[in-house]
C-alpha cells in the first residue's frame, strides 16, 4: 500500500526551480504589486502567466538572526538576550511605529 503521507513530498521533488531576472524597476513593481495583492512575488508572476497561485493566509516577515544580532537588539532594547519573545514584541512595536509615523507624516503633508 503506498504511503499517502509522502506522496506530496514526492511530487514536490519533481518540481523544477526556475529563477527569473528582471530589470530592477520591474522587480520593484512586482514586489509592490504582490504586496498590494497579498501574494508572494513569485505567485504574482504565476498569476500574470496564467498559472495557479495561493493567497497568503497570514502575512508575516521572517528573518534570520545570528546570536550577535540578538545580543545587539537585546542591548539596544534593554532586554535580556534570552528573552526572545520580548525582543520580538519590541521589534514588532518599533517597526509598526516607524510605519505609522511615516503614514501620519505623509497625511500631514497633504
PDB file of N, CA and C in Angstrom:
ATOM      1  N   UNK A   1       0.847  -1.186   0.000  1.00  0.00           N
ATOM      2  CA  UNK A   1       0.000   0.000   0.000  1.00  0.00           C
ATOM      3  C   UNK A   1       0.891   1.248   0.000  1.00  0.00           C
ATOM      4  N   UNK A   2       0.670   2.181  -0.922  1.00  0.00           N
ATOM      5  CA  UNK A   2       1.501   3.382  -0.980  1.00  0.00           C
ATOM      6  C   UNK A   2       1.296   4.241   0.269  1.00  0.00           C
ATOM      7  N   UNK A   3       2.345   4.951   0.641  1.00  0.00           N
ATOM      8  CA  UNK A   3       2.294   5.814   1.809  1.00  0.00           C
ATOM      9  C   UNK A   3       1.839   7.201   1.374  1.00  0.00           C
ATOM     10  N   UNK A   4       0.555   7.527   1.629  1.00  0.00           N
ATOM     11  CA  UNK A   4      -0.011   8.812   1.202  1.00  0.00           C
ATOM     12  C   UNK A   4       0.705   9.999   1.824  1.00  0.00           C
ATOM     13  N   UNK A   5       1.287   9.790   2.999  1.00  0.00           N
ATOM     14  CA  UNK A   5       1.983  10.860   3.704  1.00  0.00           C
ATOM     15  C   UNK A   5       3.111  11.438   2.859  1.00  0.00           C
ATOM     16  N   UNK A   6       3.768  10.599   2.088  1.00  0.00           N
ATOM     17  CA  UNK A   6       4.934  11.033   1.332  1.00  0.00           C
ATOM     18  C   UNK A   6       4.623  11.352  -0.132  1.00  0.00           C
ATOM     19  N   UNK A   7       3.394  11.107  -0.584  1.00  0.00           N
ATOM     20  CA  UNK A   7       3.041  11.382  -1.974  1.00  0.00           C
ATOM     21  C   UNK A   7       3.263  12.854  -2.330  1.00  0.00           C
ATOM     22  N   UNK A   8       2.838  13.750  -1.440  1.00  0.00           N
ATOM     23  CA  UNK A   8       3.003  15.185  -1.682  1.00  0.00           C
ATOM     24  C   UNK A   8       4.487  15.550  -1.757  1.00  0.00           C
ATOM     25  N   UNK A   9       5.294  14.959  -0.869  1.00  0.00           N
ATOM     26  CA  UNK A   9       6.734  15.218  -0.867  1.00  0.00           C
ATOM     27  C   UNK A   9       7.379  14.734  -2.166  1.00  0.00           C
ATOM     28  N   UNK A  10       6.951  13.598  -2.637  1.00  0.00           N
ATOM     29  CA  UNK A  10       7.486  13.042  -3.880  1.00  0.00           C
ATOM     30  C   UNK A  10       7.155  13.958  -5.050  1.00  0.00           C
ATOM     31  N   UNK A  11       5.929  14.491  -5.078  1.00  0.00           N
ATOM     32  CA  UNK A  11       5.537  15.424  -6.139  1.00  0.00           C
ATOM     33  C   UNK A  11       6.378  16.694  -6.079  1.00  0.00           C
ATOM     34  N   UNK A  12       6.630  17.189  -4.868  1.00  0.00           N
ATOM     35  CA  UNK A  12       7.432  18.405  -4.710  1.00  0.00           C
ATOM     36  C   UNK A  12       8.845  18.202  -5.242  1.00  0.00           C
ATOM     37  N   UNK A  13       9.393  17.017  -5.075  1.00  0.00           N
ATOM     38  CA  UNK A  13      10.733  16.738  -5.568  1.00  0.00           C
ATOM     39  C   UNK A  13      10.799  16.747  -7.089  1.00  0.00           C
ATOM     40  N   UNK A  14       9.675  16.539  -7.738  1.00  0.00           N
ATOM     41  CA  UNK A  14       9.638  16.511  -9.201  1.00  0.00           C
ATOM     42  C   UNK A  14       9.554  17.911  -9.804  1.00  0.00           C
ATOM     43  N   UNK A  15       9.298  18.925  -8.989  1.00  0.00           N
ATOM     44  CA  UNK A  15       9.183  20.293  -9.491  1.00  0.00           C
ATOM     45  C   UNK A  15      10.554  20.846  -9.839  1.00  0.00           C
ATOM     46  N   UNK A  16      10.577  21.757 -10.783  1.00  0.00           N
ATOM     47  CA  UNK A  16      11.812  22.402 -11.233  1.00  0.00           C
ATOM     48  C   UNK A  16      11.831  23.829 -10.719  1.00  0.00           C
ATOM     49  N   UNK A  17      12.897  24.199 -10.055  1.00  0.00           N
ATOM     50  CA  UNK A  17      13.071  25.570  -9.569  1.00  0.00           C
ATOM     51  C   UNK A  17      13.581  26.420 -10.724  1.00  0.00           C
ATOM     52  N   UNK A  18      12.868  27.499 -11.059  1.00  0.00           N
ATOM     53  CA  UNK A  18      13.280  28.370 -12.136  1.00  0.00           C
ATOM     54  C   UNK A  18      13.392  29.791 -11.597  1.00  0.00           C
ATOM     55  N   UNK A  19      14.515  30.430 -11.799  1.00  0.00           N
ATOM     56  CA  UNK A  19      14.721  31.800 -11.330  1.00  0.00           C
ATOM     57  C   UNK A  19      14.680  32.748 -12.517  1.00  0.00           C
ATOM     58  N   UNK A  20      14.025  33.886 -12.297  1.00  0.00           N
ATOM     59  CA  UNK A  20      13.903  34.895 -13.339  1.00  0.00           C
ATOM     60  C   UNK A  20      14.628  36.151 -12.896  1.00  0.00           C
ATOM     61  N   UNK A  21      15.306  36.783 -13.816  1.00  0.00           N
ATOM     62  CA  UNK A  21      15.979  38.048 -13.537  1.00  0.00           C
ATOM     63  C   UNK A  21      15.295  39.127 -14.358  1.00  0.00           C
ATOM     64  N   UNK A  22      14.687  40.073 -13.639  1.00  0.00           N
ATOM     65  CA  UNK A  22      14.016  41.196 -14.290  1.00  0.00           C
ATOM     66  C   UNK A  22      14.844  42.451 -14.080  1.00  0.00           C
ATOM     67  N   UNK A  23      14.597  43.470 -14.886  1.00  0.00           N
ATOM     68  CA  UNK A  23      15.242  44.747 -14.647  1.00  0.00           C
ATOM     69  C   UNK A  23      14.823  45.238 -13.273  1.00  0.00           C
ATOM     70  N   UNK A  24      15.678  46.018 -12.641  1.00  0.00           N
ATOM     71  CA  UNK A  24      15.444  46.446 -11.257  1.00  0.00           C
ATOM     72  C   UNK A  24      14.086  47.120 -11.072  1.00  0.00           C
ATOM     73  N   UNK A  25      13.701  48.006 -11.997  1.00  0.00           N
ATOM     74  CA  UNK A  25      12.416  48.696 -11.829  1.00  0.00           C
ATOM     75  C   UNK A  25      11.239  47.731 -11.963  1.00  0.00           C
ATOM     76  N   UNK A  26      11.335  46.755 -12.843  1.00  0.00           N
ATOM     77  CA  UNK A  26      10.281  45.751 -12.983  1.00  0.00           C
ATOM     78  C   UNK A  26      10.220  44.887 -11.726  1.00  0.00           C
ATOM     79  N   UNK A  27      11.368  44.514 -11.204  1.00  0.00           N
ATOM     80  CA  UNK A  27      11.422  43.713  -9.990  1.00  0.00           C
ATOM     81  C   UNK A  27      10.740  44.448  -8.830  1.00  0.00           C
ATOM     82  N   UNK A  28      11.014  45.747  -8.686  1.00  0.00           N
ATOM     83  CA  UNK A  28      10.380  46.539  -7.623  1.00  0.00           C
ATOM     84  C   UNK A  28       8.866  46.592  -7.821  1.00  0.00           C
ATOM     85  N   UNK A  29       8.429  46.754  -9.066  1.00  0.00           N
ATOM     86  CA  UNK A  29       6.989  46.798  -9.335  1.00  0.00           C
ATOM     87  C   UNK A  29       6.328  45.457  -8.997  1.00  0.00           C
ATOM     88  N   UNK A  30       7.005  44.365  -9.288  1.00  0.00           N
ATOM     89  CA  UNK A  30       6.476  43.040  -8.948  1.00  0.00           C
ATOM     90  C   UNK A  30       6.319  42.922  -7.435  1.00  0.00           C
ATOM     91  N   UNK A  31       7.318  43.351  -6.696  1.00  0.00           N
ATOM     92  CA  UNK A  31       7.270  43.265  -5.234  1.00  0.00           C
ATOM     93  C   UNK A  31       6.132  44.107  -4.681  1.00  0.00           C
ATOM     94  N   UNK A  32       5.982  45.331  -5.171  1.00  0.00           N
ATOM     95  CA  UNK A  32       4.920  46.229  -4.684  1.00  0.00           C
ATOM     96  C   UNK A  32       3.549  45.682  -5.060  1.00  0.00           C
ATOM     97  N   UNK A  33       3.380  45.277  -6.318  1.00  0.00           N
ATOM     98  CA  UNK A  33       2.086  44.734  -6.754  1.00  0.00           C
ATOM     99  C   UNK A  33       1.714  43.485  -5.970  1.00  0.00           C
ATOM    100  N   UNK A  34       2.690  42.630  -5.716  1.00  0.00           N
ATOM    101  CA  UNK A  34       2.429  41.404  -4.948  1.00  0.00           C
ATOM    102  C   UNK A  34       1.976  41.751  -3.533  1.00  0.00           C
ATOM    103  N   UNK A  35       2.655  42.698  -2.910  1.00  0.00           N
ATOM    104  CA  UNK A  35       2.279  43.104  -1.551  1.00  0.00           C
ATOM    105  C   UNK A  35       0.869  43.668  -1.536  1.00  0.00           C
ATOM    106  N   UNK A  36       0.525  44.462  -2.535  1.00  0.00           N
ATOM    107  CA  UNK A  36      -0.815  45.048  -2.595  1.00  0.00           C
ATOM    108  C   UNK A  36      -1.888  43.982  -2.800  1.00  0.00           C
ATOM    109  N   UNK A  37      -1.532  42.896  -3.452  1.00  0.00           N
ATOM    110  CA  UNK A  37      -2.493  41.808  -3.683  1.00  0.00           C
ATOM    111  C   UNK A  37      -2.407  40.715  -2.622  1.00  0.00           C
ATOM    112  N   UNK A  38      -1.524  40.909  -1.638  1.00  0.00           N
ATOM    113  CA  UNK A  38      -1.335  39.953  -0.546  1.00  0.00           C
ATOM    114  C   UNK A  38      -0.922  38.569  -1.056  1.00  0.00           C
ATOM    115  N   UNK A  39       0.006  38.596  -2.006  1.00  0.00           N
ATOM    116  CA  UNK A  39       0.588  37.352  -2.506  1.00  0.00           C
ATOM    117  C   UNK A  39       2.103  37.530  -2.588  1.00  0.00           C
ATOM    118  N   UNK A  40       2.820  36.433  -2.683  1.00  0.00           N
ATOM    119  CA  UNK A  40       4.277  36.488  -2.807  1.00  0.00           C
ATOM    120  C   UNK A  40       4.630  36.935  -4.230  1.00  0.00           C
ATOM    121  N   UNK A  41       5.789  37.574  -4.393  1.00  0.00           N
ATOM    122  CA  UNK A  41       6.202  37.985  -5.743  1.00  0.00           C
ATOM    123  C   UNK A  41       6.205  36.817  -6.738  1.00  0.00           C
ATOM    124  N   UNK A  42       6.650  35.651  -6.304  1.00  0.00           N
ATOM    125  CA  UNK A  42       6.654  34.503  -7.226  1.00  0.00           C
ATOM    126  C   UNK A  42       5.223  34.118  -7.606  1.00  0.00           C
ATOM    127  N   UNK A  43       4.279  34.277  -6.681  1.00  0.00           N
ATOM    128  CA  UNK A  43       2.883  33.971  -7.004  1.00  0.00           C
ATOM    129  C   UNK A  43       2.278  35.014  -7.932  1.00  0.00           C
ATOM    130  N   UNK A  44       2.747  36.267  -7.850  1.00  0.00           N
ATOM    131  CA  UNK A  44       2.282  37.278  -8.799  1.00  0.00           C
ATOM    132  C   UNK A  44       2.726  36.905 -10.207  1.00  0.00           C
ATOM    133  N   UNK A  45       3.973  36.452 -10.345  1.00  0.00           N
ATOM    134  CA  UNK A  45       4.465  36.022 -11.662  1.00  0.00           C
ATOM    135  C   UNK A  45       3.636  34.830 -12.143  1.00  0.00           C
ATOM    136  N   UNK A  46       3.321  33.896 -11.226  1.00  0.00           N
ATOM    137  CA  UNK A  46       2.468  32.758 -11.595  1.00  0.00           C
ATOM    138  C   UNK A  46       1.110  33.267 -12.095  1.00  0.00           C
ATOM    139  N   UNK A  47       0.527  34.219 -11.366  1.00  0.00           N
ATOM    140  CA  UNK A  47      -0.780  34.775 -11.744  1.00  0.00           C
ATOM    141  C   UNK A  47      -0.711  35.441 -13.119  1.00  0.00           C
ATOM    142  N   UNK A  48       0.320  36.275 -13.318  1.00  0.00           N
ATOM    143  CA  UNK A  48       0.444  37.005 -14.582  1.00  0.00           C
ATOM    144  C   UNK A  48       0.673  36.084 -15.777  1.00  0.00           C
ATOM    145  N   UNK A  49       1.227  34.899 -15.518  1.00  0.00           N
ATOM    146  CA  UNK A  49       1.479  33.951 -16.609  1.00  0.00           C
ATOM    147  C   UNK A  49       0.387  32.886 -16.715  1.00  0.00           C
ATOM    148  N   UNK A  50      -0.698  33.072 -15.943  1.00  0.00           N
ATOM    149  CA  UNK A  50      -1.839  32.164 -16.055  1.00  0.00           C
ATOM    150  C   UNK A  50      -1.719  30.872 -15.261  1.00  0.00           C
ATOM    151  N   UNK A  51      -0.748  30.792 -14.361  1.00  0.00           N
ATOM    152  CA  UNK A  51      -0.586  29.590 -13.542  1.00  0.00           C
ATOM    153  C   UNK A  51      -1.360  29.739 -12.233  1.00  0.00           C
ATOM    154  N   UNK A  52      -1.603  28.641 -11.570  1.00  0.00           N
ATOM    155  CA  UNK A  52      -2.304  28.693 -10.286  1.00  0.00           C
ATOM    156  C   UNK A  52      -1.376  29.293  -9.225  1.00  0.00           C
ATOM    157  N   UNK A  53      -1.979  29.895  -8.212  1.00  0.00           N
ATOM    158  CA  UNK A  53      -1.221  30.509  -7.120  1.00  0.00           C
ATOM    159  C   UNK A  53      -2.106  30.544  -5.879  1.00  0.00           C
ATOM    160  N   UNK A  54      -1.491  30.815  -4.738  1.00  0.00           N
ATOM    161  CA  UNK A  54      -2.240  30.864  -3.482  1.00  0.00           C
ATOM    162  C   UNK A  54      -2.064  32.224  -2.830  1.00  0.00           C
ATOM    163  N   UNK A  55      -3.151  32.733  -2.245  1.00  0.00           N
ATOM    164  CA  UNK A  55      -3.074  33.953  -1.447  1.00  0.00           C
ATOM    165  C   UNK A  55      -2.371  33.629  -0.139  1.00  0.00           C
ATOM    166  N   UNK A  56      -1.679  34.608   0.424  1.00  0.00           N
ATOM    167  CA  UNK A  56      -1.022  34.437   1.712  1.00  0.00           C
ATOM    168  C   UNK A  56      -2.099  34.361   2.783  1.00  0.00           C
ATOM    169  N   UNK A  57      -2.047  33.309   3.585  1.00  0.00           N
ATOM    170  CA  UNK A  57      -3.036  33.141   4.649  1.00  0.00           C
ATOM    171  C   UNK A  57      -2.780  34.087   5.808  1.00  0.00           C
ATOM    172  N   UNK A  58      -1.529  34.210   6.179  1.00  0.00           N
ATOM    173  CA  UNK A  58      -1.168  35.045   7.315  1.00  0.00           C
ATOM    174  C   UNK A  58       0.127  35.762   6.961  1.00  0.00           C
ATOM    175  N   UNK A  59       0.030  37.067   6.798  1.00  0.00           N
ATOM    176  CA  UNK A  59       1.213  37.841   6.422  1.00  0.00           C
ATOM    177  C   UNK A  59       2.192  37.908   7.578  1.00  0.00           C
ATOM    178  N   UNK A  60       3.435  37.645   7.282  1.00  0.00           N
ATOM    179  CA  UNK A  60       4.481  37.771   8.280  1.00  0.00           C
ATOM    180  C   UNK A  60       5.816  37.940   7.566  1.00  0.00           C
ATOM    181  N   UNK A  61       6.747  38.491   8.279  1.00  0.00           N
ATOM    182  CA  UNK A  61       8.093  38.681   7.761  1.00  0.00           C
ATOM    183  C   UNK A  61       9.019  37.833   8.619  1.00  0.00           C
ATOM    184  N   UNK A  62       9.822  37.034   7.977  1.00  0.00           N
ATOM    185  CA  UNK A  62      10.783  36.202   8.699  1.00  0.00           C
ATOM    186  C   UNK A  62      12.187  36.671   8.347  1.00  0.00           C
ATOM    187  N   UNK A  63      13.053  36.624   9.321  1.00  0.00           N
ATOM    188  CA  UNK A  63      14.445  36.963   9.056  1.00  0.00           C
ATOM    189  C   UNK A  63      15.334  36.117   9.948  1.00  0.00           C
ATOM    190  N   UNK A  64      16.522  35.856   9.478  1.00  0.00           N
ATOM    191  CA  UNK A  64      17.479  35.076  10.253  1.00  0.00           C
ATOM    192  C   UNK A  64      18.301  36.021  11.116  1.00  0.00           C
ATOM    193  N   UNK A  65      18.434  35.674  12.385  1.00  0.00           N
ATOM    194  CA  UNK A  65      19.223  36.481  13.306  1.00  0.00           C
ATOM    195  C   UNK A  65      20.352  35.639  13.884  1.00  0.00           C
ATOM    196  N   UNK A  66      21.546  36.161  13.825  1.00  0.00           N
ATOM    197  CA  UNK A  66      22.681  35.490  14.457  1.00  0.00           C
ATOM    198  C   UNK A  66      22.616  35.768  15.953  1.00  0.00           C
ATOM    199  N   UNK A  67      23.403  35.065  16.724  1.00  0.00           N
ATOM    200  CA  UNK A  67      23.444  35.325  18.164  1.00  0.00           C
ATOM    201  C   UNK A  67      23.952  36.752  18.409  1.00  0.00           C
ATOM    202  N   UNK A  68      24.821  37.238  17.538  1.00  0.00           N
ATOM    203  CA  UNK A  68      25.304  38.620  17.648  1.00  0.00           C
ATOM    204  C   UNK A  68      24.163  39.618  17.386  1.00  0.00           C
ATOM    205  N   UNK A  69      23.328  39.328  16.381  1.00  0.00           N
ATOM    206  CA  UNK A  69      22.171  40.182  16.098  1.00  0.00           C
ATOM    207  C   UNK A  69      21.246  40.256  17.313  1.00  0.00           C
ATOM    208  N   UNK A  70      20.961  39.102  17.898  1.00  0.00           N
ATOM    209  CA  UNK A  70      20.074  39.050  19.061  1.00  0.00           C
ATOM    210  C   UNK A  70      20.684  39.832  20.220  1.00  0.00           C
ATOM    211  N   UNK A  71      21.983  39.662  20.436  1.00  0.00           N
ATOM    212  CA  UNK A  71      22.664  40.397  21.505  1.00  0.00           C
ATOM    213  C   UNK A  71      22.588  41.905  21.270  1.00  0.00           C
ATOM    214  N   UNK A  72      22.806  42.345  20.032  1.00  0.00           N
ATOM    215  CA  UNK A  72      22.732  43.768  19.704  1.00  0.00           C
ATOM    216  C   UNK A  72      21.323  44.317  19.919  1.00  0.00           C
ATOM    217  N   UNK A  73      20.317  43.574  19.454  1.00  0.00           N
ATOM    218  CA  UNK A  73      18.939  44.013  19.659  1.00  0.00           C
ATOM    219  C   UNK A  73      18.600  44.081  21.144  1.00  0.00           C
ATOM    220  N   UNK A  74      18.967  43.046  21.875  1.00  0.00           N
ATOM    221  CA  UNK A  74      18.675  42.993  23.303  1.00  0.00           C
ATOM    222  C   UNK A  74      19.292  44.184  24.027  1.00  0.00           C
ATOM    223  N   UNK A  75      20.534  44.485  23.705  1.00  0.00           N
ATOM    224  CA  UNK A  75      21.210  45.610  24.347  1.00  0.00           C
ATOM    225  C   UNK A  75      20.519  46.923  23.998  1.00  0.00           C
ATOM    226  N   UNK A  76      20.224  47.121  22.724  1.00  0.00           N
ATOM    227  CA  UNK A  76      19.580  48.359  22.279  1.00  0.00           C
ATOM    228  C   UNK A  76      18.192  48.520  22.882  1.00  0.00           C
ATOM    229  N   UNK A  77      17.470  47.402  23.037  1.00  0.00           N
ATOM    230  CA  UNK A  77      16.108  47.444  23.553  1.00  0.00           C
ATOM    231  C   UNK A  77      16.043  47.346  25.074  1.00  0.00           C
ATOM    232  N   UNK A  78      17.176  47.092  25.720  1.00  0.00           N
ATOM    233  CA  UNK A  78      17.209  46.974  27.169  1.00  0.00           C
ATOM    234  C   UNK A  78      16.513  45.722  27.683  1.00  0.00           C
ATOM    235  N   UNK A  79      16.718  44.624  26.969  1.00  0.00           N
ATOM    236  CA  UNK A  79      16.060  43.351  27.288  1.00  0.00           C
ATOM    237  C   UNK A  79      17.144  42.278  27.431  1.00  0.00           C
ATOM    238  N   UNK A  80      16.884  41.286  28.257  1.00  0.00           N
ATOM    239  CA  UNK A  80      17.804  40.152  28.370  1.00  0.00           C
ATOM    240  C   UNK A  80      17.803  39.388  27.049  1.00  0.00           C
ATOM    241  N   UNK A  81      18.965  39.048  26.544  1.00  0.00           N
ATOM    242  CA  UNK A  81      19.019  38.399  25.220  1.00  0.00           C
ATOM    243  C   UNK A  81      18.393  37.010  25.195  1.00  0.00           C
ATOM    244  N   UNK A  82      18.166  36.408  26.347  1.00  0.00           N
ATOM    245  CA  UNK A  82      17.497  35.106  26.380  1.00  0.00           C
ATOM    246  C   UNK A  82      15.983  35.242  26.234  1.00  0.00           C
ATOM    247  N   UNK A  83      15.471  36.473  26.351  1.00  0.00           N
ATOM    248  CA  UNK A  83      14.031  36.711  26.266  1.00  0.00           C
ATOM    249  C   UNK A  83      13.644  37.065  24.823  1.00  0.00           C
ATOM    250  N   UNK A  84      13.687  36.055  23.960  1.00  0.00           N
ATOM    251  CA  UNK A  84      13.429  36.280  22.537  1.00  0.00           C
ATOM    252  C   UNK A  84      12.007  36.756  22.262  1.00  0.00           C
ATOM    253  N   UNK A  85      11.051  36.322  23.062  1.00  0.00           N
ATOM    254  CA  UNK A  85       9.669  36.761  22.875  1.00  0.00           C
ATOM    255  C   UNK A  85       9.552  38.270  23.087  1.00  0.00           C
ATOM    256  N   UNK A  86      10.197  38.788  24.125  1.00  0.00           N
ATOM    257  CA  UNK A  86      10.148  40.230  24.393  1.00  0.00           C
ATOM    258  C   UNK A  86      10.879  41.003  23.301  1.00  0.00           C
ATOM    259  N   UNK A  87      11.995  40.469  22.827  1.00  0.00           N
ATOM    260  CA  UNK A  87      12.717  41.107  21.715  1.00  0.00           C
ATOM    261  C   UNK A  87      11.792  41.176  20.501  1.00  0.00           C
ATOM    262  N   UNK A  88      11.119  40.074  20.206  1.00  0.00           N
ATOM    263  CA  UNK A  88      10.203  40.023  19.060  1.00  0.00           C
ATOM    264  C   UNK A  88       9.085  41.052  19.215  1.00  0.00           C
ATOM    265  N   UNK A  89       8.498  41.146  20.406  1.00  0.00           N
ATOM    266  CA  UNK A  89       7.411  42.111  20.648  1.00  0.00           C
ATOM    267  C   UNK A  89       7.896  43.541  20.450  1.00  0.00           C
ATOM    268  N   UNK A  90       9.081  43.829  20.976  1.00  0.00           N
ATOM    269  CA  UNK A  90       9.587  45.205  20.885  1.00  0.00           C
ATOM    270  C   UNK A  90      10.003  45.579  19.471  1.00  0.00           C
ATOM    271  N   UNK A  91      10.579  44.634  18.736  1.00  0.00           N
ATOM    272  CA  UNK A  91      10.925  44.905  17.338  1.00  0.00           C
ATOM    273  C   UNK A  91       9.647  45.135  16.533  1.00  0.00           C
ATOM    274  N   UNK A  92       8.630  44.314  16.774  1.00  0.00           N
ATOM    275  CA  UNK A  92       7.347  44.487  16.083  1.00  0.00           C
ATOM    276  C   UNK A  92       6.781  45.872  16.372  1.00  0.00           C
ATOM    277  N   UNK A  93       6.789  46.281  17.633  1.00  0.00           N
ATOM    278  CA  UNK A  93       6.270  47.602  18.004  1.00  0.00           C
ATOM    279  C   UNK A  93       7.079  48.720  17.346  1.00  0.00           C
ATOM    280  N   UNK A  94       8.407  48.559  17.323  1.00  0.00           N
ATOM    281  CA  UNK A  94       9.267  49.574  16.722  1.00  0.00           C
ATOM    282  C   UNK A  94       8.992  49.731  15.222  1.00  0.00           C
ATOM    283  N   UNK A  95       8.847  48.618  14.537  1.00  0.00           N
ATOM    284  CA  UNK A  95       8.589  48.677  13.090  1.00  0.00           C
ATOM    285  C   UNK A  95       7.201  49.253  12.819  1.00  0.00           C
ATOM    286  N   UNK A  96       6.206  48.829  13.610  1.00  0.00           N
ATOM    287  CA  UNK A  96       4.861  49.402  13.457  1.00  0.00           C
ATOM    288  C   UNK A  96       4.894  50.908  13.659  1.00  0.00           C
ATOM    289  N   UNK A  97       5.587  51.370  14.702  1.00  0.00           N
ATOM    290  CA  UNK A  97       5.683  52.796  14.981  1.00  0.00           C
ATOM    291  C   UNK A  97       6.350  53.532  13.823  1.00  0.00           C
ATOM    292  N   UNK A  98       7.400  52.939  13.282  1.00  0.00           N
ATOM    293  CA  UNK A  98       8.099  53.545  12.138  1.00  0.00           C
ATOM    294  C   UNK A  98       7.127  53.793  10.988  1.00  0.00           C
ATOM    295  N   UNK A  99       6.321  52.783  10.645  1.00  0.00           N
ATOM    296  CA  UNK A  99       5.430  52.927   9.501  1.00  0.00           C
ATOM    297  C   UNK A  99       4.204  53.758   9.811  1.00  0.00           C
ATOM    298  N   UNK A 100       3.685  53.684  11.020  1.00  0.00           N
ATOM    299  CA  UNK A 100       2.535  54.530  11.363  1.00  0.00           C
ATOM    300  C   UNK A 100       2.953  55.983  11.442  1.00  0.00           C
ATOM    301  N   UNK A 101       4.165  56.281  11.958  1.00  0.00           N
ATOM    302  CA  UNK A 101       4.681  57.650  11.964  1.00  0.00           C
ATOM    303  C   UNK A 101       4.840  58.162  10.543  1.00  0.00           C
ATOM    304  N   UNK A 102       5.394  57.315   9.686  1.00  0.00           N
ATOM    305  CA  UNK A 102       5.604  57.678   8.286  1.00  0.00           C
ATOM    306  C   UNK A 102       4.265  57.985   7.612  1.00  0.00           C
ATOM    307  N   UNK A 103       3.268  57.155   7.893  1.00  0.00           N
ATOM    308  CA  UNK A 103       1.925  57.337   7.325  1.00  0.00           C
ATOM    309  C   UNK A 103       1.306  58.637   7.837  1.00  0.00           C
ATOM    310  N   UNK A 104       1.441  58.902   9.151  1.00  0.00           N
ATOM    311  CA  UNK A 104       0.896  60.127   9.724  1.00  0.00           C
ATOM    312  C   UNK A 104       1.550  61.357   9.146  1.00  0.00           C
ATOM    313  N   UNK A 105       2.874  61.319   8.959  1.00  0.00           N
ATOM    314  CA  UNK A 105       3.589  62.466   8.397  1.00  0.00           C
ATOM    315  C   UNK A 105       3.177  62.719   6.961  1.00  0.00           C
ATOM    316  N   UNK A 106       2.933  61.648   6.202  1.00  0.00           N
ATOM    317  CA  UNK A 106       2.519  61.853   4.808  1.00  0.00           C
ATOM    318  C   UNK A 106       1.110  62.400   4.746  1.00  0.00           C
ATOM    319  N   UNK A 107       0.256  62.061   5.722  1.00  0.00           N
ATOM    320  CA  UNK A 107      -1.096  62.633   5.781  1.00  0.00           C
ATOM    321  C   UNK A 107      -1.057  64.094   6.175  1.00  0.00           C
ATOM    322  N   UNK A 108      -0.079  64.472   7.026  1.00  0.00           N
ATOM    323  CA  UNK A 108       0.058  65.871   7.430  1.00  0.00           C
ATOM    324  C   UNK A 108       0.491  66.748   6.266  1.00  0.00           C
ATOM    325  N   UNK A 109       1.264  66.173   5.338  1.00  0.00           N
ATOM    326  CA  UNK A 109       1.753  66.914   4.185  1.00  0.00           C
ATOM    327  C   UNK A 109       0.656  67.158   3.153  1.00  0.00           C
ATOM    328  N   UNK A 110      -0.419  66.398   3.221  1.00  0.00           N
ATOM    329  CA  UNK A 110      -1.499  66.512   2.235  1.00  0.00           C
ATOM    330  C   UNK A 110      -2.326  67.760   2.428  1.00  0.00           C
TER     331      UNK A 110
END
